Each structure stands twice: as structure tokens, then as C-alpha cells.
């Protein structure tokens, strides 16, 4: 299965907007360089990234460490959570 780097870019950008966080703040929180974040956000020259990079960015965005890895693989995070029927 191919990796969906555009979905990763979209998720990062949406979460930054949601948290009203800047790219610099995310870099500081995650330990990932601004240049790498910029590449991820723009889906520039998509290439294999270390799982640690995606985990660090996920945690910097206040998500579980595996969140962006799941997005990359096309798994909607939360699909594995049990569904509770409404009464």
C-alpha cells in the first residue's frame, strides 16, 4: 500500500490551526527542525521519514505517538476504538 504523505501534510496543517500553534512552537515542542516540518506541511519532496520523526511531530501536536504513522498508512486514527451505541 502506498503512503499518503498529503494526508500527513493536511493533518499537521489542520492541527496547527486548531491549536493556534506556530511552526516554530511545534519545532520547539517536537525537536524536529523547522525545515523538516516545512517539508512535511507542504508535502515537498515526500520521502521516507524516520518513524521517530512522525512520532515526535504527533506528540508535539498533542496526539498519541502513532497518530501520524496511522494517517500515513491510510488508517483513520480512532477506527480501532470501540464504538458505543447511542441509546
PDB file of N, CA and C in Angstrom:
ATOM      1  N   UNK A   1       0.844  -1.178   0.000  1.00  0.00           N
ATOM      2  CA  UNK A   1       0.000   0.000   0.000  1.00  0.00           C
ATOM      3  C   UNK A   1       0.887   1.238   0.000  1.00  0.00           C
ATOM      4  N   UNK A   2       0.520   2.243  -0.797  1.00  0.00           N
ATOM      5  CA  UNK A   2       1.333   3.449  -0.865  1.00  0.00           C
ATOM      6  C   UNK A   2       1.064   4.333   0.352  1.00  0.00           C
ATOM      7  N   UNK A   3       2.021   5.148   0.631  1.00  0.00           N
ATOM      8  CA  UNK A   3       1.938   6.052   1.775  1.00  0.00           C
ATOM      9  C   UNK A   3       1.276   7.354   1.347  1.00  0.00           C
ATOM     10  N   UNK A   4       0.433   7.898   2.197  1.00  0.00           N
ATOM     11  CA  UNK A   4      -0.321   9.108   1.883  1.00  0.00           C
ATOM     12  C   UNK A   4       0.294  10.313   2.593  1.00  0.00           C
ATOM     13  N   UNK A   5       1.366  10.833   1.987  1.00  0.00           N
ATOM     14  CA  UNK A   5       2.063  11.978   2.577  1.00  0.00           C
ATOM     15  C   UNK A   5       1.213  13.240   2.544  1.00  0.00           C
ATOM     16  N   UNK A   6       0.304  13.357   1.562  1.00  0.00           N
ATOM     17  CA  UNK A   6      -0.567  14.535   1.520  1.00  0.00           C
ATOM     18  C   UNK A   6      -1.517  14.531   2.716  1.00  0.00           C
ATOM     19  N   UNK A   7      -1.983  13.357   3.122  1.00  0.00           N
ATOM     20  CA  UNK A   7      -2.851  13.268   4.299  1.00  0.00           C
ATOM     21  C   UNK A   7      -2.094  13.692   5.555  1.00  0.00           C
ATOM     22  N   UNK A   8      -0.815  13.351   5.625  1.00  0.00           N
ATOM     23  CA  UNK A   8       0.020  13.771   6.757  1.00  0.00           C
ATOM     24  C   UNK A   8       0.135  15.296   6.753  1.00  0.00           C
ATOM     25  N   UNK A   9       0.411  15.876   5.598  1.00  0.00           N
ATOM     26  CA  UNK A   9       0.518  17.335   5.483  1.00  0.00           C
ATOM     27  C   UNK A   9      -0.786  18.002   5.911  1.00  0.00           C
ATOM     28  N   UNK A  10      -1.892  17.490   5.418  1.00  0.00           N
ATOM     29  CA  UNK A  10      -3.196  18.065   5.757  1.00  0.00           C
ATOM     30  C   UNK A  10      -3.480  17.961   7.249  1.00  0.00           C
ATOM     31  N   UNK A  11      -3.142  16.817   7.849  1.00  0.00           N
ATOM     32  CA  UNK A  11      -3.389  16.610   9.288  1.00  0.00           C
ATOM     33  C   UNK A  11      -2.553  17.579  10.119  1.00  0.00           C
ATOM     34  N   UNK A  12      -1.282  17.736   9.762  1.00  0.00           N
ATOM     35  CA  UNK A  12      -0.410  18.657  10.503  1.00  0.00           C
ATOM     36  C   UNK A  12      -0.936  20.082  10.396  1.00  0.00           C
ATOM     37  N   UNK A  13      -1.255  20.511   9.192  1.00  0.00           N
ATOM     38  CA  UNK A  13      -1.728  21.885   9.000  1.00  0.00           C
ATOM     39  C   UNK A  13      -3.040  22.149   9.734  1.00  0.00           C
ATOM     40  N   UNK A  14      -3.956  21.205   9.671  1.00  0.00           N
ATOM     41  CA  UNK A  14      -5.240  21.377  10.356  1.00  0.00           C
ATOM     42  C   UNK A  14      -5.043  21.441  11.867  1.00  0.00           C
ATOM     43  N   UNK A  15      -4.148  20.584  12.383  1.00  0.00           N
ATOM     44  CA  UNK A  15      -3.923  20.560  13.838  1.00  0.00           C
ATOM     45  C   UNK A  15      -3.224  21.831  14.304  1.00  0.00           C
ATOM     46  N   UNK A  16      -2.271  22.325  13.523  1.00  0.00           N
ATOM     47  CA  UNK A  16      -1.626  23.590  13.888  1.00  0.00           C
ATOM     48  C   UNK A  16      -2.659  24.707  13.975  1.00  0.00           C
ATOM     49  N   UNK A  17      -3.570  24.755  13.006  1.00  0.00           N
ATOM     50  CA  UNK A  17      -4.636  25.766  13.036  1.00  0.00           C
ATOM     51  C   UNK A  17      -5.529  25.581  14.259  1.00  0.00           C
ATOM     52  N   UNK A  18      -5.905  24.326  14.510  1.00  0.00           N
ATOM     53  CA  UNK A  18      -6.787  24.016  15.642  1.00  0.00           C
ATOM     54  C   UNK A  18      -6.169  24.448  16.966  1.00  0.00           C
ATOM     55  N   UNK A  19      -4.871  24.182  17.127  1.00  0.00           N
ATOM     56  CA  UNK A  19      -4.188  24.510  18.380  1.00  0.00           C
ATOM     57  C   UNK A  19      -3.667  25.943  18.403  1.00  0.00           C
ATOM     58  N   UNK A  20      -3.811  26.660  17.267  1.00  0.00           N
ATOM     59  CA  UNK A  20      -3.263  28.004  17.122  1.00  0.00           C
ATOM     60  C   UNK A  20      -1.782  28.001  17.489  1.00  0.00           C
ATOM     61  N   UNK A  21      -1.071  27.024  16.951  1.00  0.00           N
ATOM     62  CA  UNK A  21       0.346  26.823  17.222  1.00  0.00           C
ATOM     63  C   UNK A  21       1.143  27.208  15.971  1.00  0.00           C
ATOM     64  N   UNK A  22       2.281  27.829  16.177  1.00  0.00           N
ATOM     65  CA  UNK A  22       3.138  28.176  15.049  1.00  0.00           C
ATOM     66  C   UNK A  22       4.070  27.015  14.717  1.00  0.00           C
ATOM     67  N   UNK A  23       4.651  27.100  13.543  1.00  0.00           N
ATOM     68  CA  UNK A  23       5.625  26.108  13.108  1.00  0.00           C
ATOM     69  C   UNK A  23       6.819  26.087  14.071  1.00  0.00           C
ATOM     70  N   UNK A  24       7.249  27.248  14.507  1.00  0.00           N
ATOM     71  CA  UNK A  24       8.373  27.354  15.445  1.00  0.00           C
ATOM     72  C   UNK A  24       8.025  26.702  16.784  1.00  0.00           C
ATOM     73  N   UNK A  25       6.803  26.924  17.264  1.00  0.00           N
ATOM     74  CA  UNK A  25       6.386  26.292  18.524  1.00  0.00           C
ATOM     75  C   UNK A  25       6.389  24.776  18.385  1.00  0.00           C
ATOM     76  N   UNK A  26       5.902  24.280  17.251  1.00  0.00           N
ATOM     77  CA  UNK A  26       5.904  22.840  17.028  1.00  0.00           C
ATOM     78  C   UNK A  26       7.331  22.309  16.964  1.00  0.00           C
ATOM     79  N   UNK A  27       8.212  23.039  16.309  1.00  0.00           N
ATOM     80  CA  UNK A  27       9.615  22.625  16.248  1.00  0.00           C
ATOM     81  C   UNK A  27      10.200  22.526  17.654  1.00  0.00           C
ATOM     82  N   UNK A  28       9.921  23.508  18.486  1.00  0.00           N
ATOM     83  CA  UNK A  28      10.418  23.503  19.861  1.00  0.00           C
ATOM     84  C   UNK A  28       9.837  22.339  20.663  1.00  0.00           C
ATOM     85  N   UNK A  29       8.552  22.079  20.497  1.00  0.00           N
ATOM     86  CA  UNK A  29       7.879  21.015  21.253  1.00  0.00           C
ATOM     87  C   UNK A  29       8.303  19.625  20.803  1.00  0.00           C
ATOM     88  N   UNK A  30       8.572  19.479  19.506  1.00  0.00           N
ATOM     89  CA  UNK A  30       8.829  18.149  18.956  1.00  0.00           C
ATOM     90  C   UNK A  30      10.308  17.822  18.806  1.00  0.00           C
ATOM     91  N   UNK A  31      11.155  18.852  18.747  1.00  0.00           N
ATOM     92  CA  UNK A  31      12.566  18.613  18.493  1.00  0.00           C
ATOM     93  C   UNK A  31      12.864  18.349  17.021  1.00  0.00           C
ATOM     94  N   UNK A  32      11.889  18.607  16.160  1.00  0.00           N
ATOM     95  CA  UNK A  32      12.038  18.429  14.714  1.00  0.00           C
ATOM     96  C   UNK A  32      12.301  19.809  14.110  1.00  0.00           C
ATOM     97  N   UNK A  33      13.258  19.880  13.194  1.00  0.00           N
ATOM     98  CA  UNK A  33      13.638  21.179  12.633  1.00  0.00           C
ATOM     99  C   UNK A  33      12.484  21.825  11.869  1.00  0.00           C
ATOM    100  N   UNK A  34      12.520  23.148  11.816  1.00  0.00           N
ATOM    101  CA  UNK A  34      11.524  23.897  11.063  1.00  0.00           C
ATOM    102  C   UNK A  34      11.578  23.485   9.595  1.00  0.00           C
ATOM    103  N   UNK A  35      12.768  23.248   9.067  1.00  0.00           N
ATOM    104  CA  UNK A  35      12.909  22.844   7.659  1.00  0.00           C
ATOM    105  C   UNK A  35      12.189  21.527   7.393  1.00  0.00           C
ATOM    106  N   UNK A  36      12.331  20.558   8.291  1.00  0.00           N
ATOM    107  CA  UNK A  36      11.650  19.268   8.124  1.00  0.00           C
ATOM    108  C   UNK A  36      10.145  19.443   8.250  1.00  0.00           C
ATOM    109  N   UNK A  37       9.714  20.233   9.213  1.00  0.00           N
ATOM    110  CA  UNK A  37       8.280  20.498   9.365  1.00  0.00           C
ATOM    111  C   UNK A  37       7.714  21.145   8.119  1.00  0.00           C
ATOM    112  N   UNK A  38       8.456  22.095   7.556  1.00  0.00           N
ATOM    113  CA  UNK A  38       8.002  22.773   6.339  1.00  0.00           C
ATOM    114  C   UNK A  38       7.831  21.767   5.202  1.00  0.00           C
ATOM    115  N   UNK A  39       8.785  20.849   5.064  1.00  0.00           N
ATOM    116  CA  UNK A  39       8.684  19.825   4.019  1.00  0.00           C
ATOM    117  C   UNK A  39       7.462  18.937   4.245  1.00  0.00           C
ATOM    118  N   UNK A  40       7.231  18.552   5.496  1.00  0.00           N
ATOM    119  CA  UNK A  40       6.063  17.716   5.797  1.00  0.00           C
ATOM    120  C   UNK A  40       4.769  18.469   5.522  1.00  0.00           C
ATOM    121  N   UNK A  41       4.705  19.730   5.927  1.00  0.00           N
ATOM    122  CA  UNK A  41       3.489  20.525   5.763  1.00  0.00           C
ATOM    123  C   UNK A  41       3.156  20.810   4.304  1.00  0.00           C
ATOM    124  N   UNK A  42       4.166  20.954   3.489  1.00  0.00           N
ATOM    125  CA  UNK A  42       3.937  21.271   2.071  1.00  0.00           C
ATOM    126  C   UNK A  42       3.974  20.029   1.204  1.00  0.00           C
ATOM    127  N   UNK A  43       4.240  18.870   1.818  1.00  0.00           N
ATOM    128  CA  UNK A  43       4.393  17.616   1.079  1.00  0.00           C
ATOM    129  C   UNK A  43       5.446  17.799  -0.010  1.00  0.00           C
ATOM    130  N   UNK A  44       6.493  18.542   0.330  1.00  0.00           N
ATOM    131  CA  UNK A  44       7.613  18.801  -0.573  1.00  0.00           C
ATOM    132  C   UNK A  44       8.552  17.612  -0.584  1.00  0.00           C
ATOM    133  N   UNK A  45       8.870  17.118  -1.745  1.00  0.00           N
ATOM    134  CA  UNK A  45       9.823  16.020  -1.898  1.00  0.00           C
ATOM    135  C   UNK A  45       9.535  14.906  -0.893  1.00  0.00           C
ATOM    136  N   UNK A  46       8.316  14.316  -0.965  1.00  0.00           N
ATOM    137  CA  UNK A  46       7.995  13.272   0.004  1.00  0.00           C
ATOM    138  C   UNK A  46       9.021  12.155  -0.056  1.00  0.00           C
ATOM    139  N   UNK A  47       9.471  11.763   1.085  1.00  0.00           N
ATOM    140  CA  UNK A  47      10.460  10.689   1.172  1.00  0.00           C
ATOM    141  C   UNK A  47      10.264   9.969   2.486  1.00  0.00           C
ATOM    142  N   UNK A  48      10.897   8.861   2.577  1.00  0.00           N
ATOM    143  CA  UNK A  48      10.766   8.085   3.810  1.00  0.00           C
ATOM    144  C   UNK A  48      11.325   8.906   4.966  1.00  0.00           C
ATOM    145  N   UNK A  49      10.571   8.976   6.009  1.00  0.00           N
ATOM    146  CA  UNK A  49      10.979   9.663   7.232  1.00  0.00           C
ATOM    147  C   UNK A  49      11.082   8.637   8.336  1.00  0.00           C
ATOM    148  N   UNK A  50      11.903   8.923   9.273  1.00  0.00           N
ATOM    149  CA  UNK A  50      12.032   8.048  10.436  1.00  0.00           C
ATOM    150  C   UNK A  50      10.702   8.005  11.181  1.00  0.00           C
ATOM    151  N   UNK A  51      10.296   6.818  11.626  1.00  0.00           N
ATOM    152  CA  UNK A  51       9.085   6.751  12.452  1.00  0.00           C
ATOM    153  C   UNK A  51       9.211   7.638  13.692  1.00  0.00           C
ATOM    154  N   UNK A  52      10.434   7.835  14.164  1.00  0.00           N
ATOM    155  CA  UNK A  52      10.640   8.711  15.330  1.00  0.00           C
ATOM    156  C   UNK A  52      10.270  10.151  15.003  1.00  0.00           C
ATOM    157  N   UNK A  53      10.508  10.580  13.760  1.00  0.00           N
ATOM    158  CA  UNK A  53      10.156  11.947  13.363  1.00  0.00           C
ATOM    159  C   UNK A  53       8.644  12.133  13.416  1.00  0.00           C
ATOM    160  N   UNK A  54       7.915  11.187  12.813  1.00  0.00           N
ATOM    161  CA  UNK A  54       6.454  11.303  12.828  1.00  0.00           C
ATOM    162  C   UNK A  54       5.909  11.200  14.248  1.00  0.00           C
ATOM    163  N   UNK A  55       6.511  10.360  15.076  1.00  0.00           N
ATOM    164  CA  UNK A  55       6.074  10.232  16.473  1.00  0.00           C
ATOM    165  C   UNK A  55       6.321  11.536  17.222  1.00  0.00           C
ATOM    166  N   UNK A  56       7.479  12.148  17.009  1.00  0.00           N
ATOM    167  CA  UNK A  56       7.796  13.402  17.693  1.00  0.00           C
ATOM    168  C   UNK A  56       6.837  14.513  17.272  1.00  0.00           C
ATOM    169  N   UNK A  57       6.538  14.587  15.976  1.00  0.00           N
ATOM    170  CA  UNK A  57       5.596  15.607  15.498  1.00  0.00           C
ATOM    171  C   UNK A  57       4.205  15.327  16.063  1.00  0.00           C
ATOM    172  N   UNK A  58       3.797  14.064  16.075  1.00  0.00           N
ATOM    173  CA  UNK A  58       2.496  13.706  16.652  1.00  0.00           C
ATOM    174  C   UNK A  58       2.403  14.172  18.097  1.00  0.00           C
ATOM    175  N   UNK A  59       3.416  13.864  18.875  1.00  0.00           N
ATOM    176  CA  UNK A  59       3.402  14.251  20.287  1.00  0.00           C
ATOM    177  C   UNK A  59       3.454  15.768  20.447  1.00  0.00           C
ATOM    178  N   UNK A  60       4.213  16.434  19.580  1.00  0.00           N
ATOM    179  CA  UNK A  60       4.257  17.897  19.616  1.00  0.00           C
ATOM    180  C   UNK A  60       2.902  18.519  19.342  1.00  0.00           C
ATOM    181  N   UNK A  61       2.075  17.793  18.581  1.00  0.00           N
ATOM    182  CA  UNK A  61       0.724  18.256  18.267  1.00  0.00           C
ATOM    183  C   UNK A  61      -0.318  17.717  19.248  1.00  0.00           C
ATOM    184  N   UNK A  62       0.166  17.133  20.351  1.00  0.00           N
ATOM    185  CA  UNK A  62      -0.697  16.606  21.427  1.00  0.00           C
ATOM    186  C   UNK A  62      -1.557  15.438  20.967  1.00  0.00           C
ATOM    187  N   UNK A  63      -0.989  14.626  20.095  1.00  0.00           N
ATOM    188  CA  UNK A  63      -1.610  13.387  19.654  1.00  0.00           C
ATOM    189  C   UNK A  63      -0.810  12.218  20.204  1.00  0.00           C
ATOM    190  N   UNK A  64      -1.374  11.007  20.187  1.00  0.00           N
ATOM    191  CA  UNK A  64      -0.573   9.829  20.545  1.00  0.00           C
ATOM    192  C   UNK A  64       0.592   9.692  19.560  1.00  0.00           C
ATOM    193  N   UNK A  65       1.689   9.079  19.985  1.00  0.00           N
ATOM    194  CA  UNK A  65       2.871   8.993  19.122  1.00  0.00           C
ATOM    195  C   UNK A  65       2.635   8.317  17.775  1.00  0.00           C
ATOM    196  N   UNK A  66       1.678   7.417  17.694  1.00  0.00           N
ATOM    197  CA  UNK A  66       1.457   6.675  16.440  1.00  0.00           C
ATOM    198  C   UNK A  66       0.444   7.350  15.503  1.00  0.00           C
ATOM    199  N   UNK A  67      -0.064   8.514  15.879  1.00  0.00           N
ATOM    200  CA  UNK A  67      -1.143   9.154  15.113  1.00  0.00           C
ATOM    201  C   UNK A  67      -0.758   9.408  13.654  1.00  0.00           C
ATOM    202  N   UNK A  68       0.323  10.130  13.414  1.00  0.00           N
ATOM    203  CA  UNK A  68       0.687  10.465  12.037  1.00  0.00           C
ATOM    204  C   UNK A  68       1.130   9.233  11.253  1.00  0.00           C
ATOM    205  N   UNK A  69       1.690   8.245  11.931  1.00  0.00           N
ATOM    206  CA  UNK A  69       2.022   6.988  11.259  1.00  0.00           C
ATOM    207  C   UNK A  69       0.775   6.308  10.731  1.00  0.00           C
ATOM    208  N   UNK A  70      -0.290   6.356  11.505  1.00  0.00           N
ATOM    209  CA  UNK A  70      -1.565   5.782  11.063  1.00  0.00           C
ATOM    210  C   UNK A  70      -2.148   6.577   9.899  1.00  0.00           C
ATOM    211  N   UNK A  71      -2.063   7.894   9.988  1.00  0.00           N
ATOM    212  CA  UNK A  71      -2.540   8.738   8.883  1.00  0.00           C
ATOM    213  C   UNK A  71      -1.765   8.397   7.611  1.00  0.00           C
ATOM    214  N   UNK A  72      -0.460   8.261   7.733  1.00  0.00           N
ATOM    215  CA  UNK A  72       0.387   7.938   6.588  1.00  0.00           C
ATOM    216  C   UNK A  72      -0.020   6.619   5.942  1.00  0.00           C
ATOM    217  N   UNK A  73      -0.389   5.649   6.762  1.00  0.00           N
ATOM    218  CA  UNK A  73      -0.775   4.328   6.259  1.00  0.00           C
ATOM    219  C   UNK A  73      -2.222   4.268   5.792  1.00  0.00           C
ATOM    220  N   UNK A  74      -2.946   5.380   5.912  1.00  0.00           N
ATOM    221  CA  UNK A  74      -4.329   5.414   5.461  1.00  0.00           C
ATOM    222  C   UNK A  74      -5.319   4.914   6.490  1.00  0.00           C
ATOM    223  N   UNK A  75      -4.837   4.700   7.710  1.00  0.00           N
ATOM    224  CA  UNK A  75      -5.727   4.273   8.795  1.00  0.00           C
ATOM    225  C   UNK A  75      -6.248   5.515   9.493  1.00  0.00           C
ATOM    226  N   UNK A  76      -7.545   5.605   9.571  1.00  0.00           N
ATOM    227  CA  UNK A  76      -8.119   6.734  10.300  1.00  0.00           C
ATOM    228  C   UNK A  76      -7.904   6.489  11.782  1.00  0.00           C
ATOM    229  N   UNK A  77      -7.123   7.310  12.449  1.00  0.00           N
ATOM    230  CA  UNK A  77      -6.944   7.121  13.886  1.00  0.00           C
ATOM    231  C   UNK A  77      -8.290   7.117  14.590  1.00  0.00           C
ATOM    232  N   UNK A  78      -8.464   6.163  15.446  1.00  0.00           N
ATOM    233  CA  UNK A  78      -9.728   6.034  16.159  1.00  0.00           C
ATOM    234  C   UNK A  78     -10.595   4.929  15.605  1.00  0.00           C
ATOM    235  N   UNK A  79     -10.286   4.415  14.395  1.00  0.00           N
ATOM    236  CA  UNK A  79     -11.086   3.332  13.843  1.00  0.00           C
ATOM    237  C   UNK A  79     -11.020   2.073  14.701  1.00  0.00           C
ATOM    238  N   UNK A  80      -9.920   1.914  15.421  1.00  0.00           N
ATOM    239  CA  UNK A  80      -9.782   0.724  16.243  1.00  0.00           C
ATOM    240  C   UNK A  80     -10.437   0.877  17.609  1.00  0.00           C
ATOM    241  N   UNK A  81     -10.954   2.066  17.898  1.00  0.00           N
ATOM    242  CA  UNK A  81     -11.631   2.274  19.165  1.00  0.00           C
ATOM    243  C   UNK A  81     -13.013   1.653  19.121  1.00  0.00           C
ATOM    244  N   UNK A  82     -13.459   1.108  20.234  1.00  0.00           N
ATOM    245  CA  UNK A  82     -14.801   0.522  20.232  1.00  0.00           C
ATOM    246  C   UNK A  82     -15.875   1.586  20.014  1.00  0.00           C
ATOM    247  N   UNK A  83     -16.876   1.230  19.284  1.00  0.00           N
ATOM    248  CA  UNK A  83     -17.998   2.141  19.043  1.00  0.00           C
ATOM    249  C   UNK A  83     -19.045   1.911  20.109  1.00  0.00           C
ATOM    250  N   UNK A  84     -19.551   2.972  20.668  1.00  0.00           N
ATOM    251  CA  UNK A  84     -20.571   2.874  21.713  1.00  0.00           C
ATOM    252  C   UNK A  84     -21.902   3.266  21.098  1.00  0.00           C
ATOM    253  N   UNK A  85     -22.833   2.360  21.184  1.00  0.00           N
ATOM    254  CA  UNK A  85     -24.151   2.624  20.599  1.00  0.00           C
ATOM    255  C   UNK A  85     -24.888   3.649  21.444  1.00  0.00           C
ATOM    256  N   UNK A  86     -25.568   4.544  20.768  1.00  0.00           N
ATOM    257  CA  UNK A  86     -26.371   5.551  21.461  1.00  0.00           C
ATOM    258  C   UNK A  86     -27.710   4.919  21.834  1.00  0.00           C
ATOM    259  N   UNK A  87     -28.177   5.229  23.027  1.00  0.00           N
ATOM    260  CA  UNK A  87     -29.467   4.695  23.497  1.00  0.00           C
ATOM    261  C   UNK A  87     -30.590   5.577  23.083  1.00  0.00           C
TER     262      UNK A  87
END
